[in-house]
Amino acid sequence: QVQLVESGGGLVQAGGSLRLSCAASGSTGSISDMGWYRQAPGKQRELVAIIRRSGSTNYVDSVMGRFTISRDYGENTLFLQMNSLKPEDTADYYCNANGHWSGYYQQYWGQGTQVTVSS
């Protein structure tokens, strides 16, 4: 079992920055990939950024060059630095962790943190 707790969301003006954090606890040694997803009102949840155990990263095109995902393995914390925020970045942001526990693939979600970007 893994517990994920996000923080750092809030209200910011367009062009501003926010840094999201996701603290992982529990059986974190089996975590493989971690990522940030977001869901805007009336839209499907989408992958924003992912970081693998190897350290490789991928981003959705719309945030490329503006967002940076990072992971502190020692503190079991995932970050998302969001710069040059746009109103279309407004959404609930969710932390995700996946891996294999007891031989089975599983994934875990945080409760979400709200990001609102005003124009």
C-alpha atoms as a PDB file:
ATOM      1  CA  GLN A   1       0.000   0.000   0.000  1.00  0.00           C
ATOM      2  CA  VAL A   2       1.121   3.496  -0.858  1.00  0.00           C
ATOM      3  CA  GLN A   3      -0.370   6.746   0.322  1.00  0.00           C
ATOM      4  CA  LEU A   4       0.054   9.908  -1.753  1.00  0.00           C
ATOM      5  CA  VAL A   5      -0.638  13.390  -0.432  1.00  0.00           C
ATOM      6  CA  GLU A   6      -0.472  16.396  -2.744  1.00  0.00           C
ATOM      7  CA  SER A   7       0.051  20.003  -1.746  1.00  0.00           C
ATOM      8  CA  GLY A   8       0.942  23.311  -3.321  1.00  0.00           C
ATOM      9  CA  GLY A   9      -2.125  24.112  -5.365  1.00  0.00           C
ATOM     10  CA  GLY A  10      -3.821  27.489  -5.262  1.00  0.00           C
ATOM     11  CA  LEU A  11      -4.871  30.555  -7.181  1.00  0.00           C
ATOM     12  CA  VAL A  12      -2.330  32.328  -9.360  1.00  0.00           C
ATOM     13  CA  GLN A  13      -2.430  34.912 -12.115  1.00  0.00           C
ATOM     14  CA  ALA A  14      -1.540  34.002 -15.662  1.00  0.00           C
ATOM     15  CA  GLY A  15       2.211  34.026 -16.115  1.00  0.00           C
ATOM     16  CA  GLY A  16       2.808  33.041 -12.508  1.00  0.00           C
ATOM     17  CA  SER A  17       4.312  29.928 -10.999  1.00  0.00           C
ATOM     18  CA  LEU A  18       3.327  27.182  -8.601  1.00  0.00           C
ATOM     19  CA  ARG A  19       5.162  24.174  -7.248  1.00  0.00           C
ATOM     20  CA  LEU A  20       3.166  21.056  -6.499  1.00  0.00           C
ATOM     21  CA  SER A  21       4.442  18.408  -4.116  1.00  0.00           C
ATOM     22  CA  CYS A  22       3.369  14.812  -3.582  1.00  0.00           C
ATOM     23  CA  ALA A  23       4.556  13.012  -0.475  1.00  0.00           C
ATOM     24  CA  ALA A  24       4.555   9.229  -0.757  1.00  0.00           C
ATOM     25  CA  SER A  25       4.478   6.911   2.234  1.00  0.00           C
ATOM     26  CA  GLY A  26       4.012   3.213   2.839  1.00  0.00           C
ATOM     27  CA  SER A  27       5.618   0.579   0.619  1.00  0.00           C
ATOM     28  CA  THR A  28       7.413   3.138  -1.535  1.00  0.00           C
ATOM     29  CA  GLY A  29      10.302   0.850  -2.402  1.00  0.00           C
ATOM     30  CA  SER A  30       8.207  -0.847  -5.068  1.00  0.00           C
ATOM     31  CA  ILE A  31       7.237   2.350  -6.852  1.00  0.00           C
ATOM     32  CA  SER A  32       8.360   2.405 -10.463  1.00  0.00           C
ATOM     33  CA  ASP A  33       6.934   5.437 -12.248  1.00  0.00           C
ATOM     34  CA  MET A  34       5.370   8.538 -10.768  1.00  0.00           C
ATOM     35  CA  GLY A  35       3.392  11.138 -12.580  1.00  0.00           C
ATOM     36  CA  TRP A  36       1.098  14.116 -12.472  1.00  0.00           C
ATOM     37  CA  TYR A  37      -2.326  14.055 -14.060  1.00  0.00           C
ATOM     38  CA  ARG A  38      -4.907  16.787 -14.261  1.00  0.00           C
ATOM     39  CA  GLN A  39      -8.630  16.987 -14.810  1.00  0.00           C
ATOM     40  CA  ALA A  40     -10.396  20.168 -15.795  1.00  0.00           C
ATOM     41  CA  PRO A  41     -14.162  20.557 -15.299  1.00  0.00           C
ATOM     42  CA  GLY A  42     -16.034  18.603 -17.942  1.00  0.00           C
ATOM     43  CA  LYS A  43     -12.882  17.043 -19.347  1.00  0.00           C
ATOM     44  CA  GLN A  44     -11.156  13.707 -19.037  1.00  0.00           C
ATOM     45  CA  ARG A  45      -8.171  13.232 -16.800  1.00  0.00           C
ATOM     46  CA  GLU A  46      -4.942  13.633 -18.761  1.00  0.00           C
ATOM     47  CA  LEU A  47      -1.322  12.813 -18.111  1.00  0.00           C
ATOM     48  CA  VAL A  48       0.714  15.976 -17.606  1.00  0.00           C
ATOM     49  CA  ALA A  49       4.160  14.581 -16.861  1.00  0.00           C
ATOM     50  CA  ILE A  50       5.757  11.313 -15.855  1.00  0.00           C
ATOM     51  CA  ILE A  51       9.119  10.406 -14.376  1.00  0.00           C
ATOM     52  CA  ARG A  52      10.342   6.847 -14.425  1.00  0.00           C
ATOM     53  CA  ARG A  53      12.564   5.076 -11.956  1.00  0.00           C
ATOM     54  CA  SER A  54      15.389   5.573 -14.458  1.00  0.00           C
ATOM     55  CA  GLY A  55      14.861   9.325 -14.264  1.00  0.00           C
ATOM     56  CA  SER A  56      13.574   9.722 -17.797  1.00  0.00           C
ATOM     57  CA  THR A  57      10.666  12.104 -18.204  1.00  0.00           C
ATOM     58  CA  ASN A  58       7.845  12.811 -20.616  1.00  0.00           C
ATOM     59  CA  TYR A  59       5.470  15.724 -20.852  1.00  0.00           C
ATOM     60  CA  VAL A  60       2.229  16.454 -22.623  1.00  0.00           C
ATOM     61  CA  ASP A  61       2.919  18.894 -25.457  1.00  0.00           C
ATOM     62  CA  SER A  62       0.881  21.681 -23.910  1.00  0.00           C
ATOM     63  CA  VAL A  63       3.216  22.006 -20.888  1.00  0.00           C
ATOM     64  CA  MET A  64       6.534  21.302 -22.595  1.00  0.00           C
ATOM     65  CA  GLY A  65       9.061  23.957 -21.658  1.00  0.00           C
ATOM     66  CA  ARG A  66       6.889  25.359 -18.874  1.00  0.00           C
ATOM     67  CA  PHE A  67       6.542  22.487 -16.398  1.00  0.00           C
ATOM     68  CA  THR A  68       9.285  20.392 -14.834  1.00  0.00           C
ATOM     69  CA  ILE A  69       8.722  17.121 -13.023  1.00  0.00           C
ATOM     70  CA  SER A  70      11.262  15.915 -10.479  1.00  0.00           C
ATOM     71  CA  ARG A  71      11.541  13.280  -7.800  1.00  0.00           C
ATOM     72  CA  ASP A  72      13.403  13.196  -4.501  1.00  0.00           C
ATOM     73  CA  TYR A  73      13.992   9.506  -3.943  1.00  0.00           C
ATOM     74  CA  GLY A  74      15.362  10.001  -0.459  1.00  0.00           C
ATOM     75  CA  GLU A  75      12.335  11.951   0.722  1.00  0.00           C
ATOM     76  CA  ASN A  76       9.869   9.951  -1.415  1.00  0.00           C
ATOM     77  CA  THR A  77       8.491  13.171  -2.798  1.00  0.00           C
ATOM     78  CA  LEU A  78       7.386  14.082  -6.296  1.00  0.00           C
ATOM     79  CA  PHE A  79       7.363  17.675  -7.529  1.00  0.00           C
ATOM     80  CA  LEU A  80       5.887  19.594 -10.405  1.00  0.00           C
ATOM     81  CA  GLN A  81       7.308  23.041 -11.005  1.00  0.00           C
ATOM     82  CA  MET A  82       4.820  24.982 -13.105  1.00  0.00           C
ATOM     83  CA  ASN A  83       5.954  28.226 -14.716  1.00  0.00           C
ATOM     84  CA  SER A  84       4.307  30.603 -17.178  1.00  0.00           C
ATOM     85  CA  LEU A  85       0.926  29.312 -16.112  1.00  0.00           C
ATOM     86  CA  LYS A  86      -2.031  29.824 -18.418  1.00  0.00           C
ATOM     87  CA  PRO A  87      -5.769  29.853 -17.680  1.00  0.00           C
ATOM     88  CA  GLU A  88      -6.053  26.562 -19.566  1.00  0.00           C
ATOM     89  CA  ASP A  89      -3.829  24.954 -16.917  1.00  0.00           C
ATOM     90  CA  THR A  90      -6.694  25.336 -14.448  1.00  0.00           C
ATOM     91  CA  ALA A  91      -7.591  21.860 -13.180  1.00  0.00           C
ATOM     92  CA  ASP A  92      -7.398  19.461 -10.295  1.00  0.00           C
ATOM     93  CA  TYR A  93      -3.925  17.938 -10.283  1.00  0.00           C
ATOM     94  CA  TYR A  94      -3.412  14.363  -9.132  1.00  0.00           C
ATOM     95  CA  CYS A  95      -0.280  12.480  -8.185  1.00  0.00           C
ATOM     96  CA  ASN A  96       0.050   8.899  -9.406  1.00  0.00           C
ATOM     97  CA  ALA A  97       2.451   6.113  -8.523  1.00  0.00           C
ATOM     98  CA  ASN A  98       2.641   2.684 -10.100  1.00  0.00           C
ATOM     99  CA  GLY A  99       4.692  -0.436  -9.667  1.00  0.00           C
ATOM    100  CA  HIS A 100       4.498  -4.047  -8.627  1.00  0.00           C
ATOM    101  CA  TRP A 101       3.496  -5.112  -5.148  1.00  0.00           C
ATOM    102  CA  SER A 102       3.320  -8.798  -4.269  1.00  0.00           C
ATOM    103  CA  GLY A 103       3.895  -9.557  -7.937  1.00  0.00           C
ATOM    104  CA  TYR A 104       0.940  -7.546  -9.176  1.00  0.00           C
ATOM    105  CA  TYR A 105       0.885  -4.261 -11.053  1.00  0.00           C
ATOM    106  CA  GLN A 106      -0.911  -1.598  -9.058  1.00  0.00           C
ATOM    107  CA  GLN A 107      -1.283   2.124  -9.145  1.00  0.00           C
ATOM    108  CA  TYR A 108      -2.179   4.646  -6.504  1.00  0.00           C
ATOM    109  CA  TRP A 109      -3.671   8.133  -6.609  1.00  0.00           C
ATOM    110  CA  GLY A 110      -3.569  11.114  -4.342  1.00  0.00           C
ATOM    111  CA  GLN A 111      -6.651  13.094  -3.409  1.00  0.00           C
ATOM    112  CA  GLY A 112      -5.825  15.946  -5.771  1.00  0.00           C
ATOM    113  CA  THR A 113      -4.920  19.591  -5.385  1.00  0.00           C
ATOM    114  CA  GLN A 114      -6.696  22.406  -7.173  1.00  0.00           C
ATOM    115  CA  VAL A 115      -4.874  24.840  -9.429  1.00  0.00           C
ATOM    116  CA  THR A 116      -6.685  27.924 -10.662  1.00  0.00           C
ATOM    117  CA  VAL A 117      -5.039  30.340 -13.094  1.00  0.00           C
ATOM    118  CA  SER A 118      -6.788  33.656 -13.567  1.00  0.00           C
ATOM    119  CA  SER A 119      -6.468  35.694 -16.738  1.00  0.00           C
END
